[in-house]
């Protein structure tokens, strides 16, 4: 998946971090909350659907994607994997 670097404005990631599952989940969340239609296309609907239950999203955004995919509503717990110590100041 091609990363839109403009969506990383408030973090600094190492090349190794960009390859992790934790980053992938964080990035999909960022695309759904701040990305464009082009970003959503780049991530892909299959990746969004597969990740949706694990993503921490605002209710309106979660409700839209659950409706879009015909999924029952689920409330995930806040994942600890979203912690990145290199957040830009």
PDB file of N, CA and C in Angstrom:
ATOM      1  N   UNK A   1       0.850  -1.166   0.000  1.00  0.00           N
ATOM      2  CA  UNK A   1       0.000   0.000   0.000  1.00  0.00           C
ATOM      3  C   UNK A   1       0.899   1.234   0.000  1.00  0.00           C
ATOM      4  N   UNK A   2       0.582   2.159  -0.859  1.00  0.00           N
ATOM      5  CA  UNK A   2       1.333   3.413  -0.963  1.00  0.00           C
ATOM      6  C   UNK A   2       0.903   4.348   0.167  1.00  0.00           C
ATOM      7  N   UNK A   3       1.873   4.908   0.872  1.00  0.00           N
ATOM      8  CA  UNK A   3       1.612   5.786   2.009  1.00  0.00           C
ATOM      9  C   UNK A   3       1.573   7.241   1.544  1.00  0.00           C
ATOM     10  N   UNK A   4       0.509   7.945   1.910  1.00  0.00           N
ATOM     11  CA  UNK A   4       0.416   9.381   1.657  1.00  0.00           C
ATOM     12  C   UNK A   4       1.128  10.084   2.813  1.00  0.00           C
ATOM     13  N   UNK A   5       2.324  10.569   2.577  1.00  0.00           N
ATOM     14  CA  UNK A   5       3.138  11.188   3.632  1.00  0.00           C
ATOM     15  C   UNK A   5       2.471  12.433   4.220  1.00  0.00           C
ATOM     16  N   UNK A   6       1.568  13.056   3.485  1.00  0.00           N
ATOM     17  CA  UNK A   6       0.865  14.227   4.015  1.00  0.00           C
ATOM     18  C   UNK A   6      -0.006  13.863   5.221  1.00  0.00           C
ATOM     19  N   UNK A   7      -0.392  12.594   5.340  1.00  0.00           N
ATOM     20  CA  UNK A   7      -1.207  12.156   6.471  1.00  0.00           C
ATOM     21  C   UNK A   7      -0.376  11.877   7.723  1.00  0.00           C
ATOM     22  N   UNK A   8       0.936  11.988   7.608  1.00  0.00           N
ATOM     23  CA  UNK A   8       1.828  11.700   8.736  1.00  0.00           C
ATOM     24  C   UNK A   8       2.368  12.981   9.359  1.00  0.00           C
ATOM     25  N   UNK A   9       1.645  14.089   9.212  1.00  0.00           N
ATOM     26  CA  UNK A   9       2.161  15.401   9.588  1.00  0.00           C
ATOM     27  C   UNK A   9       2.589  15.504  11.054  1.00  0.00           C
ATOM     28  N   UNK A  10       2.003  14.733  11.938  1.00  0.00           N
ATOM     29  CA  UNK A  10       2.289  14.904  13.360  1.00  0.00           C
ATOM     30  C   UNK A  10       3.117  13.774  13.964  1.00  0.00           C
ATOM     31  N   UNK A  11       3.654  12.898  13.134  1.00  0.00           N
ATOM     32  CA  UNK A  11       4.488  11.790  13.589  1.00  0.00           C
ATOM     33  C   UNK A  11       5.730  11.679  12.725  1.00  0.00           C
ATOM     34  N   UNK A  12       6.757  11.114  13.321  1.00  0.00           N
ATOM     35  CA  UNK A  12       7.960  10.736  12.569  1.00  0.00           C
ATOM     36  C   UNK A  12       8.105   9.231  12.719  1.00  0.00           C
ATOM     37  N   UNK A  13       8.069   8.520  11.619  1.00  0.00           N
ATOM     38  CA  UNK A  13       8.179   7.066  11.636  1.00  0.00           C
ATOM     39  C   UNK A  13       9.482   6.638  10.997  1.00  0.00           C
ATOM     40  N   UNK A  14      10.098   5.631  11.576  1.00  0.00           N
ATOM     41  CA  UNK A  14      11.275   5.037  10.943  1.00  0.00           C
ATOM     42  C   UNK A  14      10.784   4.142   9.807  1.00  0.00           C
ATOM     43  N   UNK A  15      11.673   3.791   8.911  1.00  0.00           N
ATOM     44  CA  UNK A  15      11.306   2.886   7.816  1.00  0.00           C
ATOM     45  C   UNK A  15      10.847   1.539   8.366  1.00  0.00           C
ATOM     46  N   UNK A  16      11.441   1.090   9.479  1.00  0.00           N
ATOM     47  CA  UNK A  16      11.030  -0.175  10.093  1.00  0.00           C
ATOM     48  C   UNK A  16       9.599  -0.085  10.627  1.00  0.00           C
ATOM     49  N   UNK A  17       9.263   1.038  11.262  1.00  0.00           N
ATOM     50  CA  UNK A  17       7.908   1.220  11.793  1.00  0.00           C
ATOM     51  C   UNK A  17       6.868   1.210  10.680  1.00  0.00           C
ATOM     52  N   UNK A  18       7.220   1.746   9.525  1.00  0.00           N
ATOM     53  CA  UNK A  18       6.274   1.790   8.408  1.00  0.00           C
ATOM     54  C   UNK A  18       5.894   0.403   7.918  1.00  0.00           C
ATOM     55  N   UNK A  19       6.659  -0.608   8.280  1.00  0.00           N
ATOM     56  CA  UNK A  19       6.407  -1.973   7.821  1.00  0.00           C
ATOM     57  C   UNK A  19       5.625  -2.804   8.835  1.00  0.00           C
ATOM     58  N   UNK A  20       5.287  -2.251   9.986  1.00  0.00           N
ATOM     59  CA  UNK A  20       4.650  -3.030  11.043  1.00  0.00           C
ATOM     60  C   UNK A  20       3.127  -3.077  10.892  1.00  0.00           C
ATOM     61  N   UNK A  21       2.533  -4.093  11.495  1.00  0.00           N
ATOM     62  CA  UNK A  21       1.076  -4.207  11.519  1.00  0.00           C
ATOM     63  C   UNK A  21       0.474  -3.065  12.342  1.00  0.00           C
ATOM     64  N   UNK A  22       1.153  -2.673  13.391  1.00  0.00           N
ATOM     65  CA  UNK A  22       0.679  -1.568  14.211  1.00  0.00           C
ATOM     66  C   UNK A  22       0.555  -0.291  13.381  1.00  0.00           C
ATOM     67  N   UNK A  23       1.562   0.001  12.566  1.00  0.00           N
ATOM     68  CA  UNK A  23       1.494   1.176  11.702  1.00  0.00           C
ATOM     69  C   UNK A  23       0.363   1.022  10.688  1.00  0.00           C
ATOM     70  N   UNK A  24       0.224  -0.161  10.118  1.00  0.00           N
ATOM     71  CA  UNK A  24      -0.823  -0.395   9.121  1.00  0.00           C
ATOM     72  C   UNK A  24      -2.200  -0.059   9.698  1.00  0.00           C
ATOM     73  N   UNK A  25      -2.477  -0.538  10.914  1.00  0.00           N
ATOM     74  CA  UNK A  25      -3.757  -0.251  11.558  1.00  0.00           C
ATOM     75  C   UNK A  25      -3.903   1.253  11.829  1.00  0.00           C
ATOM     76  N   UNK A  26      -2.828   1.866  12.329  1.00  0.00           N
ATOM     77  CA  UNK A  26      -2.853   3.304  12.594  1.00  0.00           C
ATOM     78  C   UNK A  26      -3.101   4.075  11.301  1.00  0.00           C
ATOM     79  N   UNK A  27      -2.410   3.676  10.233  1.00  0.00           N
ATOM     80  CA  UNK A  27      -2.526   4.398   8.967  1.00  0.00           C
ATOM     81  C   UNK A  27      -3.935   4.257   8.378  1.00  0.00           C
ATOM     82  N   UNK A  28      -4.519   3.081   8.455  1.00  0.00           N
ATOM     83  CA  UNK A  28      -5.890   2.911   7.952  1.00  0.00           C
ATOM     84  C   UNK A  28      -6.836   3.813   8.742  1.00  0.00           C
ATOM     85  N   UNK A  29      -6.658   3.883  10.049  1.00  0.00           N
ATOM     86  CA  UNK A  29      -7.463   4.794  10.864  1.00  0.00           C
ATOM     87  C   UNK A  29      -7.271   6.233  10.406  1.00  0.00           C
ATOM     88  N   UNK A  30      -6.040   6.627  10.164  1.00  0.00           N
ATOM     89  CA  UNK A  30      -5.742   7.993   9.723  1.00  0.00           C
ATOM     90  C   UNK A  30      -6.390   8.267   8.367  1.00  0.00           C
ATOM     91  N   UNK A  31      -6.340   7.317   7.462  1.00  0.00           N
ATOM     92  CA  UNK A  31      -6.976   7.492   6.151  1.00  0.00           C
ATOM     93  C   UNK A  31      -8.479   7.685   6.322  1.00  0.00           C
ATOM     94  N   UNK A  32      -9.106   6.876   7.170  1.00  0.00           N
ATOM     95  CA  UNK A  32     -10.558   6.976   7.337  1.00  0.00           C
ATOM     96  C   UNK A  32     -10.978   8.256   8.055  1.00  0.00           C
ATOM     97  N   UNK A  33     -10.100   8.825   8.857  1.00  0.00           N
ATOM     98  CA  UNK A  33     -10.457  10.043   9.590  1.00  0.00           C
ATOM     99  C   UNK A  33      -9.969  11.325   8.931  1.00  0.00           C
ATOM    100  N   UNK A  34      -8.903  11.250   8.117  1.00  0.00           N
ATOM    101  CA  UNK A  34      -8.325  12.463   7.535  1.00  0.00           C
ATOM    102  C   UNK A  34      -7.998  12.347   6.049  1.00  0.00           C
ATOM    103  N   UNK A  35      -8.156  11.174   5.487  1.00  0.00           N
ATOM    104  CA  UNK A  35      -7.728  10.955   4.115  1.00  0.00           C
ATOM    105  C   UNK A  35      -8.743  11.381   3.069  1.00  0.00           C
ATOM    106  N   UNK A  36      -8.309  11.285   1.832  1.00  0.00           N
ATOM    107  CA  UNK A  36      -9.146  11.603   0.676  1.00  0.00           C
ATOM    108  C   UNK A  36      -9.692  10.314   0.073  1.00  0.00           C
ATOM    109  N   UNK A  37     -10.556  10.469  -0.901  1.00  0.00           N
ATOM    110  CA  UNK A  37     -11.064   9.314  -1.641  1.00  0.00           C
ATOM    111  C   UNK A  37      -9.909   8.532  -2.259  1.00  0.00           C
ATOM    112  N   UNK A  38      -8.915   9.242  -2.760  1.00  0.00           N
ATOM    113  CA  UNK A  38      -7.744   8.573  -3.351  1.00  0.00           C
ATOM    114  C   UNK A  38      -6.995   7.746  -2.305  1.00  0.00           C
ATOM    115  N   UNK A  39      -6.880   8.252  -1.086  1.00  0.00           N
ATOM    116  CA  UNK A  39      -6.232   7.499  -0.011  1.00  0.00           C
ATOM    117  C   UNK A  39      -7.018   6.228   0.307  1.00  0.00           C
ATOM    118  N   UNK A  40      -8.341   6.342   0.365  1.00  0.00           N
ATOM    119  CA  UNK A  40      -9.190   5.173   0.624  1.00  0.00           C
ATOM    120  C   UNK A  40      -9.011   4.146  -0.488  1.00  0.00           C
ATOM    121  N   UNK A  41      -8.989   4.599  -1.738  1.00  0.00           N
ATOM    122  CA  UNK A  41      -8.770   3.672  -2.856  1.00  0.00           C
ATOM    123  C   UNK A  41      -7.423   2.978  -2.738  1.00  0.00           C
ATOM    124  N   UNK A  42      -6.394   3.711  -2.338  1.00  0.00           N
ATOM    125  CA  UNK A  42      -5.055   3.134  -2.222  1.00  0.00           C
ATOM    126  C   UNK A  42      -5.001   2.073  -1.123  1.00  0.00           C
ATOM    127  N   UNK A  43      -5.653   2.322   0.000  1.00  0.00           N
ATOM    128  CA  UNK A  43      -5.692   1.337   1.085  1.00  0.00           C
ATOM    129  C   UNK A  43      -6.490   0.113   0.642  1.00  0.00           C
ATOM    130  N   UNK A  44      -7.611   0.345  -0.003  1.00  0.00           N
ATOM    131  CA  UNK A  44      -8.433  -0.750  -0.511  1.00  0.00           C
ATOM    132  C   UNK A  44      -9.561  -1.133   0.428  1.00  0.00           C
ATOM    133  N   UNK A  45     -10.701  -1.445  -0.155  1.00  0.00           N
ATOM    134  CA  UNK A  45     -11.875  -1.796   0.639  1.00  0.00           C
ATOM    135  C   UNK A  45     -11.675  -3.080   1.431  1.00  0.00           C
ATOM    136  N   UNK A  46     -10.969  -4.038   0.866  1.00  0.00           N
ATOM    137  CA  UNK A  46     -10.744  -5.300   1.574  1.00  0.00           C
ATOM    138  C   UNK A  46      -9.936  -5.065   2.852  1.00  0.00           C
ATOM    139  N   UNK A  47      -8.890  -4.257   2.775  1.00  0.00           N
ATOM    140  CA  UNK A  47      -8.076  -3.964   3.959  1.00  0.00           C
ATOM    141  C   UNK A  47      -8.897  -3.217   5.009  1.00  0.00           C
ATOM    142  N   UNK A  48      -9.746  -2.303   4.563  1.00  0.00           N
ATOM    143  CA  UNK A  48     -10.588  -1.560   5.503  1.00  0.00           C
ATOM    144  C   UNK A  48     -11.547  -2.512   6.199  1.00  0.00           C
ATOM    145  N   UNK A  49     -12.205  -3.352   5.438  1.00  0.00           N
ATOM    146  CA  UNK A  49     -13.165  -4.289   6.042  1.00  0.00           C
ATOM    147  C   UNK A  49     -12.481  -5.238   7.014  1.00  0.00           C
ATOM    148  N   UNK A  50     -11.330  -5.763   6.632  1.00  0.00           N
ATOM    149  CA  UNK A  50     -10.622  -6.700   7.501  1.00  0.00           C
ATOM    150  C   UNK A  50     -10.143  -6.039   8.789  1.00  0.00           C
ATOM    151  N   UNK A  51      -9.848  -4.764   8.747  1.00  0.00           N
ATOM    152  CA  UNK A  51      -9.293  -4.056   9.903  1.00  0.00           C
ATOM    153  C   UNK A  51     -10.348  -3.361  10.753  1.00  0.00           C
ATOM    154  N   UNK A  52     -11.526  -3.179  10.240  1.00  0.00           N
ATOM    155  CA  UNK A  52     -12.517  -2.300  10.866  1.00  0.00           C
ATOM    156  C   UNK A  52     -12.768  -2.607  12.339  1.00  0.00           C
ATOM    157  N   UNK A  53     -12.883  -3.861  12.712  1.00  0.00           N
ATOM    158  CA  UNK A  53     -13.187  -4.212  14.107  1.00  0.00           C
ATOM    159  C   UNK A  53     -12.076  -3.802  15.064  1.00  0.00           C
ATOM    160  N   UNK A  54     -10.852  -3.664  14.572  1.00  0.00           N
ATOM    161  CA  UNK A  54      -9.725  -3.312  15.430  1.00  0.00           C
ATOM    162  C   UNK A  54      -9.422  -1.813  15.455  1.00  0.00           C
ATOM    163  N   UNK A  55     -10.086  -1.036  14.631  1.00  0.00           N
ATOM    164  CA  UNK A  55      -9.770   0.388  14.517  1.00  0.00           C
ATOM    165  C   UNK A  55     -10.536   1.215  15.543  1.00  0.00           C
ATOM    166  N   UNK A  56      -9.865   2.210  16.107  1.00  0.00           N
ATOM    167  CA  UNK A  56     -10.501   3.164  17.011  1.00  0.00           C
ATOM    168  C   UNK A  56     -10.930   4.358  16.169  1.00  0.00           C
ATOM    169  N   UNK A  57     -12.242   4.459  15.910  1.00  0.00           N
ATOM    170  CA  UNK A  57     -12.778   5.479  15.010  1.00  0.00           C
ATOM    171  C   UNK A  57     -13.879   6.275  15.685  1.00  0.00           C
ATOM    172  N   UNK A  58     -14.072   7.528  15.283  1.00  0.00           N
ATOM    173  CA  UNK A  58     -15.245   8.274  15.738  1.00  0.00           C
ATOM    174  C   UNK A  58     -16.517   7.524  15.321  1.00  0.00           C
ATOM    175  N   UNK A  59     -17.555   7.625  16.133  1.00  0.00           N
ATOM    176  CA  UNK A  59     -18.785   6.866  15.906  1.00  0.00           C
ATOM    177  C   UNK A  59     -19.366   7.081  14.511  1.00  0.00           C
ATOM    178  N   UNK A  60     -19.400   8.306  14.031  1.00  0.00           N
ATOM    179  CA  UNK A  60     -19.998   8.575  12.719  1.00  0.00           C
ATOM    180  C   UNK A  60     -19.241   7.865  11.602  1.00  0.00           C
ATOM    181  N   UNK A  61     -17.923   7.847  11.696  1.00  0.00           N
ATOM    182  CA  UNK A  61     -17.120   7.186  10.664  1.00  0.00           C
ATOM    183  C   UNK A  61     -17.291   5.677  10.762  1.00  0.00           C
ATOM    184  N   UNK A  62     -17.245   5.130  11.987  1.00  0.00           N
ATOM    185  CA  UNK A  62     -17.454   3.686  12.172  1.00  0.00           C
ATOM    186  C   UNK A  62     -18.835   3.276  11.661  1.00  0.00           C
ATOM    187  N   UNK A  63     -19.857   4.037  12.021  1.00  0.00           N
ATOM    188  CA  UNK A  63     -21.216   3.707  11.590  1.00  0.00           C
ATOM    189  C   UNK A  63     -21.326   3.689  10.073  1.00  0.00           C
ATOM    190  N   UNK A  64     -20.695   4.653   9.405  1.00  0.00           N
ATOM    191  CA  UNK A  64     -20.737   4.668   7.945  1.00  0.00           C
ATOM    192  C   UNK A  64     -20.141   3.397   7.376  1.00  0.00           C
ATOM    193  N   UNK A  65     -18.933   3.012   7.801  1.00  0.00           N
ATOM    194  CA  UNK A  65     -18.270   1.839   7.221  1.00  0.00           C
ATOM    195  C   UNK A  65     -18.977   0.545   7.595  1.00  0.00           C
ATOM    196  N   UNK A  66     -19.541   0.462   8.799  1.00  0.00           N
ATOM    197  CA  UNK A  66     -20.328  -0.723   9.148  1.00  0.00           C
ATOM    198  C   UNK A  66     -21.561  -0.805   8.252  1.00  0.00           C
ATOM    199  N   UNK A  67     -22.210   0.331   8.006  1.00  0.00           N
ATOM    200  CA  UNK A  67     -23.348   0.356   7.093  1.00  0.00           C
ATOM    201  C   UNK A  67     -22.895  -0.044   5.690  1.00  0.00           C
ATOM    202  N   UNK A  68     -21.815   0.528   5.212  1.00  0.00           N
ATOM    203  CA  UNK A  68     -21.317   0.266   3.867  1.00  0.00           C
ATOM    204  C   UNK A  68     -21.055  -1.222   3.653  1.00  0.00           C
ATOM    205  N   UNK A  69     -20.443  -1.864   4.634  1.00  0.00           N
ATOM    206  CA  UNK A  69     -20.115  -3.282   4.506  1.00  0.00           C
ATOM    207  C   UNK A  69     -21.228  -4.197   5.004  1.00  0.00           C
ATOM    208  N   UNK A  70     -22.321  -3.635   5.516  1.00  0.00           N
ATOM    209  CA  UNK A  70     -23.425  -4.448   6.018  1.00  0.00           C
ATOM    210  C   UNK A  70     -23.056  -5.227   7.270  1.00  0.00           C
ATOM    211  N   UNK A  71     -22.249  -4.608   8.133  1.00  0.00           N
ATOM    212  CA  UNK A  71     -21.766  -5.271   9.344  1.00  0.00           C
ATOM    213  C   UNK A  71     -22.570  -4.832  10.557  1.00  0.00           C
ATOM    214  N   UNK A  72     -22.682  -5.716  11.556  1.00  0.00           N
ATOM    215  CA  UNK A  72     -23.323  -5.284  12.809  1.00  0.00           C
ATOM    216  C   UNK A  72     -22.406  -4.301  13.536  1.00  0.00           C
ATOM    217  N   UNK A  73     -22.990  -3.474  14.362  1.00  0.00           N
ATOM    218  CA  UNK A  73     -22.194  -2.494  15.106  1.00  0.00           C
ATOM    219  C   UNK A  73     -21.364  -3.203  16.169  1.00  0.00           C
ATOM    220  N   UNK A  74     -20.117  -2.804  16.266  1.00  0.00           N
ATOM    221  CA  UNK A  74     -19.213  -3.347  17.277  1.00  0.00           C
ATOM    222  C   UNK A  74     -18.448  -2.193  17.887  1.00  0.00           C
ATOM    223  N   UNK A  75     -18.192  -2.275  19.168  1.00  0.00           N
ATOM    224  CA  UNK A  75     -17.429  -1.224  19.843  1.00  0.00           C
ATOM    225  C   UNK A  75     -16.073  -1.795  20.244  1.00  0.00           C
ATOM    226  N   UNK A  76     -15.015  -1.432  19.536  1.00  0.00           N
ATOM    227  CA  UNK A  76     -13.697  -1.975  19.878  1.00  0.00           C
ATOM    228  C   UNK A  76     -13.140  -1.316  21.135  1.00  0.00           C
ATOM    229  N   UNK A  77     -12.195  -1.997  21.732  1.00  0.00           N
ATOM    230  CA  UNK A  77     -11.476  -1.382  22.838  1.00  0.00           C
ATOM    231  C   UNK A  77     -10.333  -0.577  22.259  1.00  0.00           C
ATOM    232  N   UNK A  78      -9.893   0.420  22.971  1.00  0.00           N
ATOM    233  CA  UNK A  78      -8.802   1.263  22.468  1.00  0.00           C
ATOM    234  C   UNK A  78      -7.522   0.437  22.451  1.00  0.00           C
ATOM    235  N   UNK A  79      -6.904   0.296  21.292  1.00  0.00           N
ATOM    236  CA  UNK A  79      -5.716  -0.555  21.190  1.00  0.00           C
ATOM    237  C   UNK A  79      -4.467   0.114  21.755  1.00  0.00           C
ATOM    238  N   UNK A  80      -3.662  -0.667  22.437  1.00  0.00           N
ATOM    239  CA  UNK A  80      -2.383  -0.168  22.939  1.00  0.00           C
ATOM    240  C   UNK A  80      -1.363  -0.055  21.824  1.00  0.00           C
ATOM    241  N   UNK A  81      -1.611  -0.703  20.696  1.00  0.00           N
ATOM    242  CA  UNK A  81      -0.635  -0.740  19.610  1.00  0.00           C
ATOM    243  C   UNK A  81      -0.512   0.592  18.889  1.00  0.00           C
ATOM    244  N   UNK A  82      -1.340   1.577  19.221  1.00  0.00           N
ATOM    245  CA  UNK A  82      -1.256   2.861  18.540  1.00  0.00           C
ATOM    246  C   UNK A  82      -0.241   3.792  19.182  1.00  0.00           C
ATOM    247  N   UNK A  83       0.468   3.337  20.166  1.00  0.00           N
ATOM    248  CA  UNK A  83       1.456   4.181  20.825  1.00  0.00           C
ATOM    249  C   UNK A  83       2.716   4.254  19.979  1.00  0.00           C
ATOM    250  N   UNK A  84       3.074   5.460  19.591  1.00  0.00           N
ATOM    251  CA  UNK A  84       4.309   5.691  18.855  1.00  0.00           C
ATOM    252  C   UNK A  84       5.092   6.757  19.608  1.00  0.00           C
ATOM    253  N   UNK A  85       6.246   6.404  20.175  1.00  0.00           N
ATOM    254  CA  UNK A  85       6.990   7.363  20.984  1.00  0.00           C
ATOM    255  C   UNK A  85       7.614   8.503  20.187  1.00  0.00           C
ATOM    256  N   UNK A  86       7.650   8.412  18.881  1.00  0.00           N
ATOM    257  CA  UNK A  86       8.310   9.428  18.061  1.00  0.00           C
ATOM    258  C   UNK A  86       7.350  10.482  17.539  1.00  0.00           C
ATOM    259  N   UNK A  87       6.275  10.704  18.245  1.00  0.00           N
ATOM    260  CA  UNK A  87       5.322  11.732  17.819  1.00  0.00           C
ATOM    261  C   UNK A  87       6.041  13.071  17.735  1.00  0.00           C
ATOM    262  N   UNK A  88       5.856  13.759  16.635  1.00  0.00           N
ATOM    263  CA  UNK A  88       6.508  15.062  16.433  1.00  0.00           C
ATOM    264  C   UNK A  88       5.967  16.066  17.442  1.00  0.00           C
ATOM    265  N   UNK A  89       6.809  16.950  17.868  1.00  0.00           N
ATOM    266  CA  UNK A  89       6.392  17.963  18.857  1.00  0.00           C
ATOM    267  C   UNK A  89       5.574  19.046  18.206  1.00  0.00           C
TER     268      UNK A  89
END
